[in-house]
């Protein structure tokens, strides 16, 4: 089952959901704000993607928390992702044996059809 993690008001998430619906892909949507993602789930995702792909350094949350100054290592980034889900780049789409981070129509065409 395809799962999409994100927040409802994110443009990239909306684009991804629209893509999935228009291509007839069945999915479950999980909103970070309603159902926080645990560190164990993040560990599962990291089997299929790099921490720097998952860790959003462009968002307001990253700047507000001044995380750049902390010079976080892999473990520190993972802990912050679990503590503050808004640091996760969106959307995160999980498949049986893969994870797609962000909106990328070419990847969606390749992996979701």
PDB file of N, CA and C in Angstrom:
ATOM      1  N   UNK A   1       0.839  -1.193   0.000  1.00  0.00           N
ATOM      2  CA  UNK A   1       0.000   0.000   0.000  1.00  0.00           C
ATOM      3  C   UNK A   1       0.873   1.242   0.000  1.00  0.00           C
ATOM      4  N   UNK A   2       0.560   2.161  -0.869  1.00  0.00           N
ATOM      5  CA  UNK A   2       1.272   3.433  -0.953  1.00  0.00           C
ATOM      6  C   UNK A   2       0.786   4.334   0.181  1.00  0.00           C
ATOM      7  N   UNK A   3       1.739   4.913   0.914  1.00  0.00           N
ATOM      8  CA  UNK A   3       1.404   5.865   1.963  1.00  0.00           C
ATOM      9  C   UNK A   3       2.066   7.192   1.635  1.00  0.00           C
ATOM     10  N   UNK A   4       1.321   8.268   1.840  1.00  0.00           N
ATOM     11  CA  UNK A   4       1.830   9.608   1.589  1.00  0.00           C
ATOM     12  C   UNK A   4       1.830  10.352   2.920  1.00  0.00           C
ATOM     13  N   UNK A   5       3.012  10.837   3.318  1.00  0.00           N
ATOM     14  CA  UNK A   5       3.162  11.595   4.555  1.00  0.00           C
ATOM     15  C   UNK A   5       3.395  13.054   4.212  1.00  0.00           C
ATOM     16  N   UNK A   6       2.736  13.937   4.943  1.00  0.00           N
ATOM     17  CA  UNK A   6       2.920  15.363   4.712  1.00  0.00           C
ATOM     18  C   UNK A   6       1.910  16.162   5.505  1.00  0.00           C
ATOM     19  N   UNK A   7       1.661  17.378   5.040  1.00  0.00           N
ATOM     20  CA  UNK A   7       0.630  18.216   5.632  1.00  0.00           C
ATOM     21  C   UNK A   7      -0.291  18.693   4.518  1.00  0.00           C
ATOM     22  N   UNK A   8      -1.542  18.884   4.864  1.00  0.00           N
ATOM     23  CA  UNK A   8      -2.568  19.174   3.855  1.00  0.00           C
ATOM     24  C   UNK A   8      -2.355  20.467   3.095  1.00  0.00           C
ATOM     25  N   UNK A   9      -1.770  21.476   3.742  1.00  0.00           N
ATOM     26  CA  UNK A   9      -1.658  22.776   3.084  1.00  0.00           C
ATOM     27  C   UNK A   9      -0.332  22.990   2.358  1.00  0.00           C
ATOM     28  N   UNK A  10       0.466  21.942   2.188  1.00  0.00           N
ATOM     29  CA  UNK A  10       1.746  22.033   1.473  1.00  0.00           C
ATOM     30  C   UNK A  10       1.505  21.863  -0.032  1.00  0.00           C
ATOM     31  N   UNK A  11       2.039  22.792  -0.824  1.00  0.00           N
ATOM     32  CA  UNK A  11       1.849  22.735  -2.284  1.00  0.00           C
ATOM     33  C   UNK A  11       2.385  21.446  -2.892  1.00  0.00           C
ATOM     34  N   UNK A  12       3.563  21.005  -2.456  1.00  0.00           N
ATOM     35  CA  UNK A  12       4.150  19.779  -3.004  1.00  0.00           C
ATOM     36  C   UNK A  12       3.297  18.563  -2.672  1.00  0.00           C
ATOM     37  N   UNK A  13       2.753  18.535  -1.481  1.00  0.00           N
ATOM     38  CA  UNK A  13       1.877  17.427  -1.079  1.00  0.00           C
ATOM     39  C   UNK A  13       0.607  17.447  -1.923  1.00  0.00           C
ATOM     40  N   UNK A  14       0.037  18.623  -2.115  1.00  0.00           N
ATOM     41  CA  UNK A  14      -1.174  18.727  -2.935  1.00  0.00           C
ATOM     42  C   UNK A  14      -0.922  18.250  -4.365  1.00  0.00           C
ATOM     43  N   UNK A  15       0.230  18.622  -4.930  1.00  0.00           N
ATOM     44  CA  UNK A  15       0.577  18.173  -6.281  1.00  0.00           C
ATOM     45  C   UNK A  15       0.693  16.657  -6.326  1.00  0.00           C
ATOM     46  N   UNK A  16       1.347  16.089  -5.309  1.00  0.00           N
ATOM     47  CA  UNK A  16       1.524  14.633  -5.256  1.00  0.00           C
ATOM     48  C   UNK A  16       0.179  13.921  -5.148  1.00  0.00           C
ATOM     49  N   UNK A  17      -0.692  14.410  -4.281  1.00  0.00           N
ATOM     50  CA  UNK A  17      -2.009  13.788  -4.119  1.00  0.00           C
ATOM     51  C   UNK A  17      -2.815  13.879  -5.413  1.00  0.00           C
ATOM     52  N   UNK A  18      -2.732  15.030  -6.076  1.00  0.00           N
ATOM     53  CA  UNK A  18      -3.434  15.208  -7.355  1.00  0.00           C
ATOM     54  C   UNK A  18      -2.898  14.217  -8.390  1.00  0.00           C
ATOM     55  N   UNK A  19      -1.570  14.073  -8.434  1.00  0.00           N
ATOM     56  CA  UNK A  19      -0.950  13.120  -9.361  1.00  0.00           C
ATOM     57  C   UNK A  19      -1.467  11.705  -9.092  1.00  0.00           C
ATOM     58  N   UNK A  20      -1.412  11.295  -7.833  1.00  0.00           N
ATOM     59  CA  UNK A  20      -1.826   9.932  -7.478  1.00  0.00           C
ATOM     60  C   UNK A  20      -3.283   9.691  -7.833  1.00  0.00           C
ATOM     61  N   UNK A  21      -4.152  10.639  -7.530  1.00  0.00           N
ATOM     62  CA  UNK A  21      -5.575  10.490  -7.844  1.00  0.00           C
ATOM     63  C   UNK A  21      -5.801  10.406  -9.344  1.00  0.00           C
ATOM     64  N   UNK A  22      -5.118  11.275 -10.100  1.00  0.00           N
ATOM     65  CA  UNK A  22      -5.329  11.304 -11.552  1.00  0.00           C
ATOM     66  C   UNK A  22      -4.762  10.066 -12.246  1.00  0.00           C
ATOM     67  N   UNK A  23      -3.833   9.367 -11.594  1.00  0.00           N
ATOM     68  CA  UNK A  23      -3.265   8.149 -12.172  1.00  0.00           C
ATOM     69  C   UNK A  23      -3.837   6.879 -11.542  1.00  0.00           C
ATOM     70  N   UNK A  24      -4.873   7.028 -10.750  1.00  0.00           N
ATOM     71  CA  UNK A  24      -5.561   5.878 -10.183  1.00  0.00           C
ATOM     72  C   UNK A  24      -4.757   5.075  -9.171  1.00  0.00           C
ATOM     73  N   UNK A  25      -3.805   5.729  -8.515  1.00  0.00           N
ATOM     74  CA  UNK A  25      -2.983   5.042  -7.519  1.00  0.00           C
ATOM     75  C   UNK A  25      -3.689   5.126  -6.167  1.00  0.00           C
ATOM     76  N   UNK A  26      -3.966   3.965  -5.572  1.00  0.00           N
ATOM     77  CA  UNK A  26      -4.582   3.950  -4.251  1.00  0.00           C
ATOM     78  C   UNK A  26      -3.522   4.291  -3.212  1.00  0.00           C
ATOM     79  N   UNK A  27      -3.907   5.129  -2.244  1.00  0.00           N
ATOM     80  CA  UNK A  27      -2.941   5.546  -1.229  1.00  0.00           C
ATOM     81  C   UNK A  27      -3.647   5.889   0.064  1.00  0.00           C
ATOM     82  N   UNK A  28      -2.851   5.941   1.115  1.00  0.00           N
ATOM     83  CA  UNK A  28      -3.322   6.404   2.412  1.00  0.00           C
ATOM     84  C   UNK A  28      -2.533   7.671   2.724  1.00  0.00           C
ATOM     85  N   UNK A  29      -3.223   8.722   3.149  1.00  0.00           N
ATOM     86  CA  UNK A  29      -2.559   9.978   3.491  1.00  0.00           C
ATOM     87  C   UNK A  29      -2.410  10.076   5.000  1.00  0.00           C
ATOM     88  N   UNK A  30      -1.198  10.375   5.458  1.00  0.00           N
ATOM     89  CA  UNK A  30      -0.911  10.555   6.875  1.00  0.00           C
ATOM     90  C   UNK A  30      -0.422  11.978   7.076  1.00  0.00           C
ATOM     91  N   UNK A  31      -1.172  12.761   7.843  1.00  0.00           N
ATOM     92  CA  UNK A  31      -0.823  14.153   8.124  1.00  0.00           C
ATOM     93  C   UNK A  31       0.093  14.194   9.344  1.00  0.00           C
ATOM     94  N   UNK A  32       1.288  14.776   9.185  1.00  0.00           N
ATOM     95  CA  UNK A  32       2.260  14.888  10.281  1.00  0.00           C
ATOM     96  C   UNK A  32       1.659  15.538  11.526  1.00  0.00           C
ATOM     97  N   UNK A  33       0.799  16.505  11.308  1.00  0.00           N
ATOM     98  CA  UNK A  33       0.262  17.249  12.442  1.00  0.00           C
ATOM     99  C   UNK A  33      -0.711  16.409  13.267  1.00  0.00           C
ATOM    100  N   UNK A  34      -1.434  15.510  12.602  1.00  0.00           N
ATOM    101  CA  UNK A  34      -2.411  14.663  13.296  1.00  0.00           C
ATOM    102  C   UNK A  34      -1.789  13.368  13.810  1.00  0.00           C
ATOM    103  N   UNK A  35      -0.853  12.823  13.041  1.00  0.00           N
ATOM    104  CA  UNK A  35      -0.201  11.566  13.394  1.00  0.00           C
ATOM    105  C   UNK A  35       1.303  11.739  13.230  1.00  0.00           C
ATOM    106  N   UNK A  36       1.990  12.156  14.282  1.00  0.00           N
ATOM    107  CA  UNK A  36       3.441  12.366  14.172  1.00  0.00           C
ATOM    108  C   UNK A  36       4.181  11.091  13.759  1.00  0.00           C
ATOM    109  N   UNK A  37       5.245  11.277  12.997  1.00  0.00           N
ATOM    110  CA  UNK A  37       6.074  10.171  12.534  1.00  0.00           C
ATOM    111  C   UNK A  37       7.121   9.872  13.607  1.00  0.00           C
ATOM    112  N   UNK A  38       7.287   8.602  13.932  1.00  0.00           N
ATOM    113  CA  UNK A  38       8.223   8.199  14.983  1.00  0.00           C
ATOM    114  C   UNK A  38       9.640   8.048  14.443  1.00  0.00           C
ATOM    115  N   UNK A  39      10.586   7.976  15.351  1.00  0.00           N
ATOM    116  CA  UNK A  39      11.983   7.768  14.956  1.00  0.00           C
ATOM    117  C   UNK A  39      12.164   6.407  14.291  1.00  0.00           C
ATOM    118  N   UNK A  40      11.396   5.399  14.707  1.00  0.00           N
ATOM    119  CA  UNK A  40      11.518   4.081  14.076  1.00  0.00           C
ATOM    120  C   UNK A  40      11.021   4.117  12.625  1.00  0.00           C
ATOM    121  N   UNK A  41       9.942   4.872  12.354  1.00  0.00           N
ATOM    122  CA  UNK A  41       9.485   5.025  10.965  1.00  0.00           C
ATOM    123  C   UNK A  41      10.537   5.741  10.128  1.00  0.00           C
ATOM    124  N   UNK A  42      11.126   6.776  10.697  1.00  0.00           N
ATOM    125  CA  UNK A  42      12.168   7.515   9.995  1.00  0.00           C
ATOM    126  C   UNK A  42      13.350   6.597   9.698  1.00  0.00           C
ATOM    127  N   UNK A  43      13.702   5.735  10.650  1.00  0.00           N
ATOM    128  CA  UNK A  43      14.782   4.760  10.429  1.00  0.00           C
ATOM    129  C   UNK A  43      14.461   3.838   9.256  1.00  0.00           C
ATOM    130  N   UNK A  44      13.197   3.435   9.143  1.00  0.00           N
ATOM    131  CA  UNK A  44      12.784   2.598   8.007  1.00  0.00           C
ATOM    132  C   UNK A  44      12.967   3.353   6.694  1.00  0.00           C
ATOM    133  N   UNK A  45      12.568   4.621   6.666  1.00  0.00           N
ATOM    134  CA  UNK A  45      12.712   5.431   5.451  1.00  0.00           C
ATOM    135  C   UNK A  45      14.173   5.560   5.060  1.00  0.00           C
ATOM    136  N   UNK A  46      15.045   5.683   6.059  1.00  0.00           N
ATOM    137  CA  UNK A  46      16.468   5.905   5.789  1.00  0.00           C
ATOM    138  C   UNK A  46      17.158   4.682   5.202  1.00  0.00           C
ATOM    139  N   UNK A  47      16.470   3.560   5.153  1.00  0.00           N
ATOM    140  CA  UNK A  47      16.996   2.389   4.441  1.00  0.00           C
ATOM    141  C   UNK A  47      16.947   2.616   2.930  1.00  0.00           C
ATOM    142  N   UNK A  48      16.074   3.562   2.495  1.00  0.00           N
ATOM    143  CA  UNK A  48      15.843   3.779   1.074  1.00  0.00           C
ATOM    144  C   UNK A  48      16.205   5.181   0.586  1.00  0.00           C
ATOM    145  N   UNK A  49      16.532   6.080   1.512  1.00  0.00           N
ATOM    146  CA  UNK A  49      16.931   7.433   1.098  1.00  0.00           C
ATOM    147  C   UNK A  49      17.949   7.985   2.088  1.00  0.00           C
ATOM    148  N   UNK A  50      18.650   9.003   1.664  1.00  0.00           N
ATOM    149  CA  UNK A  50      19.683   9.630   2.489  1.00  0.00           C
ATOM    150  C   UNK A  50      19.047  10.616   3.472  1.00  0.00           C
ATOM    151  N   UNK A  51      19.687  10.793   4.604  1.00  0.00           N
ATOM    152  CA  UNK A  51      19.183  11.724   5.621  1.00  0.00           C
ATOM    153  C   UNK A  51      19.103  13.149   5.079  1.00  0.00           C
ATOM    154  N   UNK A  52      20.063  13.534   4.240  1.00  0.00           N
ATOM    155  CA  UNK A  52      20.060  14.895   3.705  1.00  0.00           C
ATOM    156  C   UNK A  52      18.943  15.118   2.690  1.00  0.00           C
ATOM    157  N   UNK A  53      18.437  14.041   2.098  1.00  0.00           N
ATOM    158  CA  UNK A  53      17.284  14.140   1.210  1.00  0.00           C
ATOM    159  C   UNK A  53      16.022  14.367   2.037  1.00  0.00           C
ATOM    160  N   UNK A  54      15.954  13.715   3.174  1.00  0.00           N
ATOM    161  CA  UNK A  54      14.775  13.765   4.040  1.00  0.00           C
ATOM    162  C   UNK A  54      14.722  15.030   4.905  1.00  0.00           C
ATOM    163  N   UNK A  55      15.873  15.569   5.244  1.00  0.00           N
ATOM    164  CA  UNK A  55      15.979  16.694   6.171  1.00  0.00           C
ATOM    165  C   UNK A  55      15.842  18.011   5.414  1.00  0.00           C
ATOM    166  N   UNK A  56      14.773  18.746   5.694  1.00  0.00           N
ATOM    167  CA  UNK A  56      14.474  19.977   4.964  1.00  0.00           C
ATOM    168  C   UNK A  56      15.212  21.167   5.578  1.00  0.00           C
ATOM    169  N   UNK A  57      16.256  21.616   4.904  1.00  0.00           N
ATOM    170  CA  UNK A  57      17.025  22.767   5.381  1.00  0.00           C
ATOM    171  C   UNK A  57      16.524  24.085   4.783  1.00  0.00           C
ATOM    172  N   UNK A  58      15.512  24.043   3.947  1.00  0.00           N
ATOM    173  CA  UNK A  58      15.003  25.253   3.306  1.00  0.00           C
ATOM    174  C   UNK A  58      13.785  25.845   3.994  1.00  0.00           C
ATOM    175  N   UNK A  59      13.207  25.103   4.924  1.00  0.00           N
ATOM    176  CA  UNK A  59      11.957  25.525   5.529  1.00  0.00           C
ATOM    177  C   UNK A  59      12.115  26.506   6.680  1.00  0.00           C
ATOM    178  N   UNK A  60      11.000  27.091   7.040  1.00  0.00           N
ATOM    179  CA  UNK A  60      10.941  28.047   8.143  1.00  0.00           C
ATOM    180  C   UNK A  60      11.338  27.397   9.465  1.00  0.00           C
ATOM    181  N   UNK A  61      10.908  26.176   9.681  1.00  0.00           N
ATOM    182  CA  UNK A  61      11.198  25.484  10.949  1.00  0.00           C
ATOM    183  C   UNK A  61      12.699  25.358  11.161  1.00  0.00           C
ATOM    184  N   UNK A  62      13.431  24.993  10.118  1.00  0.00           N
ATOM    185  CA  UNK A  62      14.884  24.852  10.203  1.00  0.00           C
ATOM    186  C   UNK A  62      15.534  26.178  10.602  1.00  0.00           C
ATOM    187  N   UNK A  63      15.091  27.254   9.973  1.00  0.00           N
ATOM    188  CA  UNK A  63      15.656  28.574  10.275  1.00  0.00           C
ATOM    189  C   UNK A  63      15.254  29.043  11.671  1.00  0.00           C
ATOM    190  N   UNK A  64      13.994  28.837  12.032  1.00  0.00           N
ATOM    191  CA  UNK A  64      13.498  29.272  13.341  1.00  0.00           C
ATOM    192  C   UNK A  64      14.243  28.578  14.476  1.00  0.00           C
ATOM    193  N   UNK A  65      14.491  27.289  14.311  1.00  0.00           N
ATOM    194  CA  UNK A  65      15.191  26.522  15.355  1.00  0.00           C
ATOM    195  C   UNK A  65      16.709  26.727  15.326  1.00  0.00           C
ATOM    196  N   UNK A  66      17.199  27.469  14.308  1.00  0.00           N
ATOM    197  CA  UNK A  66      18.635  27.763  14.163  1.00  0.00           C
ATOM    198  C   UNK A  66      19.485  26.491  14.181  1.00  0.00           C
ATOM    199  N   UNK A  67      19.024  25.495  13.439  1.00  0.00           N
ATOM    200  CA  UNK A  67      19.708  24.197  13.435  1.00  0.00           C
ATOM    201  C   UNK A  67      21.018  24.218  12.661  1.00  0.00           C
ATOM    202  N   UNK A  68      21.166  25.159  11.755  1.00  0.00           N
ATOM    203  CA  UNK A  68      22.417  25.256  11.002  1.00  0.00           C
ATOM    204  C   UNK A  68      23.591  25.467  11.955  1.00  0.00           C
ATOM    205  N   UNK A  69      23.356  26.243  13.005  1.00  0.00           N
ATOM    206  CA  UNK A  69      24.404  26.546  13.981  1.00  0.00           C
ATOM    207  C   UNK A  69      24.846  25.309  14.766  1.00  0.00           C
ATOM    208  N   UNK A  70      23.968  24.300  14.851  1.00  0.00           N
ATOM    209  CA  UNK A  70      24.289  23.091  15.625  1.00  0.00           C
ATOM    210  C   UNK A  70      25.184  22.119  14.871  1.00  0.00           C
ATOM    211  N   UNK A  71      25.287  22.294  13.537  1.00  0.00           N
ATOM    212  CA  UNK A  71      26.124  21.416  12.714  1.00  0.00           C
ATOM    213  C   UNK A  71      25.849  19.941  13.039  1.00  0.00           C
ATOM    214  N   UNK A  72      24.602  19.530  12.856  1.00  0.00           N
ATOM    215  CA  UNK A  72      24.128  18.208  13.250  1.00  0.00           C
ATOM    216  C   UNK A  72      24.748  17.077  12.431  1.00  0.00           C
ATOM    217  N   UNK A  73      25.046  15.962  13.098  1.00  0.00           N
ATOM    218  CA  UNK A  73      25.484  14.755  12.403  1.00  0.00           C
ATOM    219  C   UNK A  73      24.239  13.928  12.055  1.00  0.00           C
ATOM    220  N   UNK A  74      24.436  12.757  11.483  1.00  0.00           N
ATOM    221  CA  UNK A  74      23.333  11.891  11.050  1.00  0.00           C
ATOM    222  C   UNK A  74      22.365  11.618  12.200  1.00  0.00           C
ATOM    223  N   UNK A  75      22.883  11.221  13.345  1.00  0.00           N
ATOM    224  CA  UNK A  75      22.040  10.912  14.502  1.00  0.00           C
ATOM    225  C   UNK A  75      21.279  12.120  15.011  1.00  0.00           C
ATOM    226  N   UNK A  76      21.930  13.257  15.015  1.00  0.00           N
ATOM    227  CA  UNK A  76      21.278  14.491  15.449  1.00  0.00           C
ATOM    228  C   UNK A  76      20.149  14.883  14.514  1.00  0.00           C
ATOM    229  N   UNK A  77      20.376  14.758  13.219  1.00  0.00           N
ATOM    230  CA  UNK A  77      19.326  15.071  12.243  1.00  0.00           C
ATOM    231  C   UNK A  77      18.141  14.127  12.408  1.00  0.00           C
ATOM    232  N   UNK A  78      18.426  12.841  12.580  1.00  0.00           N
ATOM    233  CA  UNK A  78      17.354  11.854  12.741  1.00  0.00           C
ATOM    234  C   UNK A  78      16.520  12.161  13.992  1.00  0.00           C
ATOM    235  N   UNK A  79      17.183  12.497  15.084  1.00  0.00           N
ATOM    236  CA  UNK A  79      16.477  12.826  16.323  1.00  0.00           C
ATOM    237  C   UNK A  79      15.595  14.064  16.127  1.00  0.00           C
ATOM    238  N   UNK A  80      16.113  15.082  15.436  1.00  0.00           N
ATOM    239  CA  UNK A  80      15.326  16.294  15.188  1.00  0.00           C
ATOM    240  C   UNK A  80      14.142  16.009  14.275  1.00  0.00           C
ATOM    241  N   UNK A  81      14.312  15.137  13.285  1.00  0.00           N
ATOM    242  CA  UNK A  81      13.196  14.789  12.401  1.00  0.00           C
ATOM    243  C   UNK A  81      12.057  14.162  13.202  1.00  0.00           C
ATOM    244  N   UNK A  82      12.402  13.302  14.161  1.00  0.00           N
ATOM    245  CA  UNK A  82      11.381  12.648  14.980  1.00  0.00           C
ATOM    246  C   UNK A  82      10.742  13.637  15.948  1.00  0.00           C
ATOM    247  N   UNK A  83      11.548  14.543  16.476  1.00  0.00           N
ATOM    248  CA  UNK A  83      11.057  15.512  17.454  1.00  0.00           C
ATOM    249  C   UNK A  83      10.201  16.598  16.788  1.00  0.00           C
ATOM    250  N   UNK A  84      10.589  16.993  15.582  1.00  0.00           N
ATOM    251  CA  UNK A  84       9.910  18.087  14.879  1.00  0.00           C
ATOM    252  C   UNK A  84       9.654  17.656  13.428  1.00  0.00           C
ATOM    253  N   UNK A  85       8.510  17.000  13.190  1.00  0.00           N
ATOM    254  CA  UNK A  85       8.194  16.450  11.870  1.00  0.00           C
ATOM    255  C   UNK A  85       8.150  17.491  10.755  1.00  0.00           C
ATOM    256  N   UNK A  86       7.988  18.764  11.111  1.00  0.00           N
ATOM    257  CA  UNK A  86       7.958  19.787  10.070  1.00  0.00           C
ATOM    258  C   UNK A  86       9.323  19.965   9.407  1.00  0.00           C
ATOM    259  N   UNK A  87      10.347  19.326   9.937  1.00  0.00           N
ATOM    260  CA  UNK A  87      11.671  19.343   9.312  1.00  0.00           C
ATOM    261  C   UNK A  87      11.794  18.308   8.193  1.00  0.00           C
ATOM    262  N   UNK A  88      10.799  17.441   8.074  1.00  0.00           N
ATOM    263  CA  UNK A  88      10.825  16.406   7.037  1.00  0.00           C
ATOM    264  C   UNK A  88      10.404  17.029   5.711  1.00  0.00           C
ATOM    265  N   UNK A  89      11.225  16.811   4.696  1.00  0.00           N
ATOM    266  CA  UNK A  89      10.885  17.306   3.361  1.00  0.00           C
ATOM    267  C   UNK A  89       9.637  16.567   2.885  1.00  0.00           C
ATOM    268  N   UNK A  90       8.729  17.301   2.271  1.00  0.00           N
ATOM    269  CA  UNK A  90       7.443  16.733   1.903  1.00  0.00           C
ATOM    270  C   UNK A  90       7.220  16.728   0.397  1.00  0.00           C
ATOM    271  N   UNK A  91       6.380  15.794  -0.042  1.00  0.00           N
ATOM    272  CA  UNK A  91       5.821  14.656   0.676  1.00  0.00           C
ATOM    273  C   UNK A  91       6.831  13.508   0.760  1.00  0.00           C
ATOM    274  N   UNK A  92       6.568  12.592   1.673  1.00  0.00           N
ATOM    275  CA  UNK A  92       7.307  11.333   1.723  1.00  0.00           C
ATOM    276  C   UNK A  92       6.310  10.266   1.289  1.00  0.00           C
ATOM    277  N   UNK A  93       6.654   9.548   0.226  1.00  0.00           N
ATOM    278  CA  UNK A  93       5.785   8.487  -0.278  1.00  0.00           C
ATOM    279  C   UNK A  93       6.497   7.162  -0.054  1.00  0.00           C
ATOM    280  N   UNK A  94       5.834   6.275   0.682  1.00  0.00           N
ATOM    281  CA  UNK A  94       6.431   4.970   0.945  1.00  0.00           C
ATOM    282  C   UNK A  94       5.729   3.909   0.100  1.00  0.00           C
ATOM    283  N   UNK A  95       6.547   3.059  -0.480  1.00  0.00           N
ATOM    284  CA  UNK A  95       6.074   1.914  -1.251  1.00  0.00           C
ATOM    285  C   UNK A  95       6.544   0.670  -0.497  1.00  0.00           C
ATOM    286  N   UNK A  96       6.309  -0.505  -1.049  1.00  0.00           N
ATOM    287  CA  UNK A  96       6.735  -1.729  -0.370  1.00  0.00           C
ATOM    288  C   UNK A  96       8.228  -1.720  -0.056  1.00  0.00           C
ATOM    289  N   UNK A  97       9.042  -1.394  -1.045  1.00  0.00           N
ATOM    290  CA  UNK A  97      10.491  -1.419  -0.870  1.00  0.00           C
ATOM    291  C   UNK A  97      11.162  -0.169  -1.408  1.00  0.00           C
ATOM    292  N   UNK A  98      10.571   0.976  -1.140  1.00  0.00           N
ATOM    293  CA  UNK A  98      11.157   2.219  -1.635  1.00  0.00           C
ATOM    294  C   UNK A  98      10.519   3.410  -0.928  1.00  0.00           C
ATOM    295  N   UNK A  99      11.200   4.532  -1.015  1.00  0.00           N
ATOM    296  CA  UNK A  99      10.699   5.797  -0.475  1.00  0.00           C
ATOM    297  C   UNK A  99      11.016   6.885  -1.495  1.00  0.00           C
ATOM    298  N   UNK A 100      10.028   7.712  -1.780  1.00  0.00           N
ATOM    299  CA  UNK A 100      10.220   8.867  -2.658  1.00  0.00           C
ATOM    300  C   UNK A 100      10.005  10.111  -1.807  1.00  0.00           C
ATOM    301  N   UNK A 101      10.969  11.023  -1.841  1.00  0.00           N
ATOM    302  CA  UNK A 101      10.883  12.250  -1.045  1.00  0.00           C
ATOM    303  C   UNK A 101      10.743  13.434  -1.991  1.00  0.00           C
ATOM    304  N   UNK A 102       9.728  14.261  -1.730  1.00  0.00           N
ATOM    305  CA  UNK A 102       9.494  15.435  -2.553  1.00  0.00           C
ATOM    306  C   UNK A 102       8.596  15.116  -3.737  1.00  0.00           C
ATOM    307  N   UNK A 103       8.190  16.168  -4.438  1.00  0.00           N
ATOM    308  CA  UNK A 103       7.363  15.978  -5.628  1.00  0.00           C
ATOM    309  C   UNK A 103       8.278  15.864  -6.831  1.00  0.00           C
ATOM    310  N   UNK A 104       8.234  14.713  -7.505  1.00  0.00           N
ATOM    311  CA  UNK A 104       9.060  14.473  -8.676  1.00  0.00           C
ATOM    312  C   UNK A 104       8.255  13.607  -9.645  1.00  0.00           C
ATOM    313  N   UNK A 105       7.645  14.245 -10.620  1.00  0.00           N
ATOM    314  CA  UNK A 105       6.750  13.535 -11.527  1.00  0.00           C
ATOM    315  C   UNK A 105       7.461  12.426 -12.294  1.00  0.00           C
ATOM    316  N   UNK A 106       8.722  12.645 -12.682  1.00  0.00           N
ATOM    317  CA  UNK A 106       9.467  11.602 -13.397  1.00  0.00           C
ATOM    318  C   UNK A 106       9.634  10.353 -12.535  1.00  0.00           C
ATOM    319  N   UNK A 107       9.998  10.549 -11.266  1.00  0.00           N
ATOM    320  CA  UNK A 107      10.110   9.403 -10.353  1.00  0.00           C
ATOM    321  C   UNK A 107       8.767   8.740 -10.139  1.00  0.00           C
ATOM    322  N   UNK A 108       7.718   9.523 -10.017  1.00  0.00           N
ATOM    323  CA  UNK A 108       6.388   8.968  -9.830  1.00  0.00           C
ATOM    324  C   UNK A 108       6.016   8.101 -11.030  1.00  0.00           C
ATOM    325  N   UNK A 109       6.288   8.601 -12.246  1.00  0.00           N
ATOM    326  CA  UNK A 109       5.994   7.827 -13.451  1.00  0.00           C
ATOM    327  C   UNK A 109       6.757   6.512 -13.456  1.00  0.00           C
ATOM    328  N   UNK A 110       7.985   6.563 -12.987  1.00  0.00           N
ATOM    329  CA  UNK A 110       8.839   5.364 -12.987  1.00  0.00           C
ATOM    330  C   UNK A 110       8.437   4.350 -11.913  1.00  0.00           C
ATOM    331  N   UNK A 111       8.114   4.834 -10.719  1.00  0.00           N
ATOM    332  CA  UNK A 111       7.940   3.930  -9.580  1.00  0.00           C
ATOM    333  C   UNK A 111       6.497   3.648  -9.169  1.00  0.00           C
ATOM    334  N   UNK A 112       5.553   4.452  -9.634  1.00  0.00           N
ATOM    335  CA  UNK A 112       4.179   4.296  -9.175  1.00  0.00           C
ATOM    336  C   UNK A 112       3.239   3.745 -10.226  1.00  0.00           C
ATOM    337  N   UNK A 113       3.745   3.395 -11.404  1.00  0.00           N
ATOM    338  CA  UNK A 113       2.847   2.924 -12.449  1.00  0.00           C
ATOM    339  C   UNK A 113       3.090   1.469 -12.771  1.00  0.00           C
TER     340      UNK A 113
END
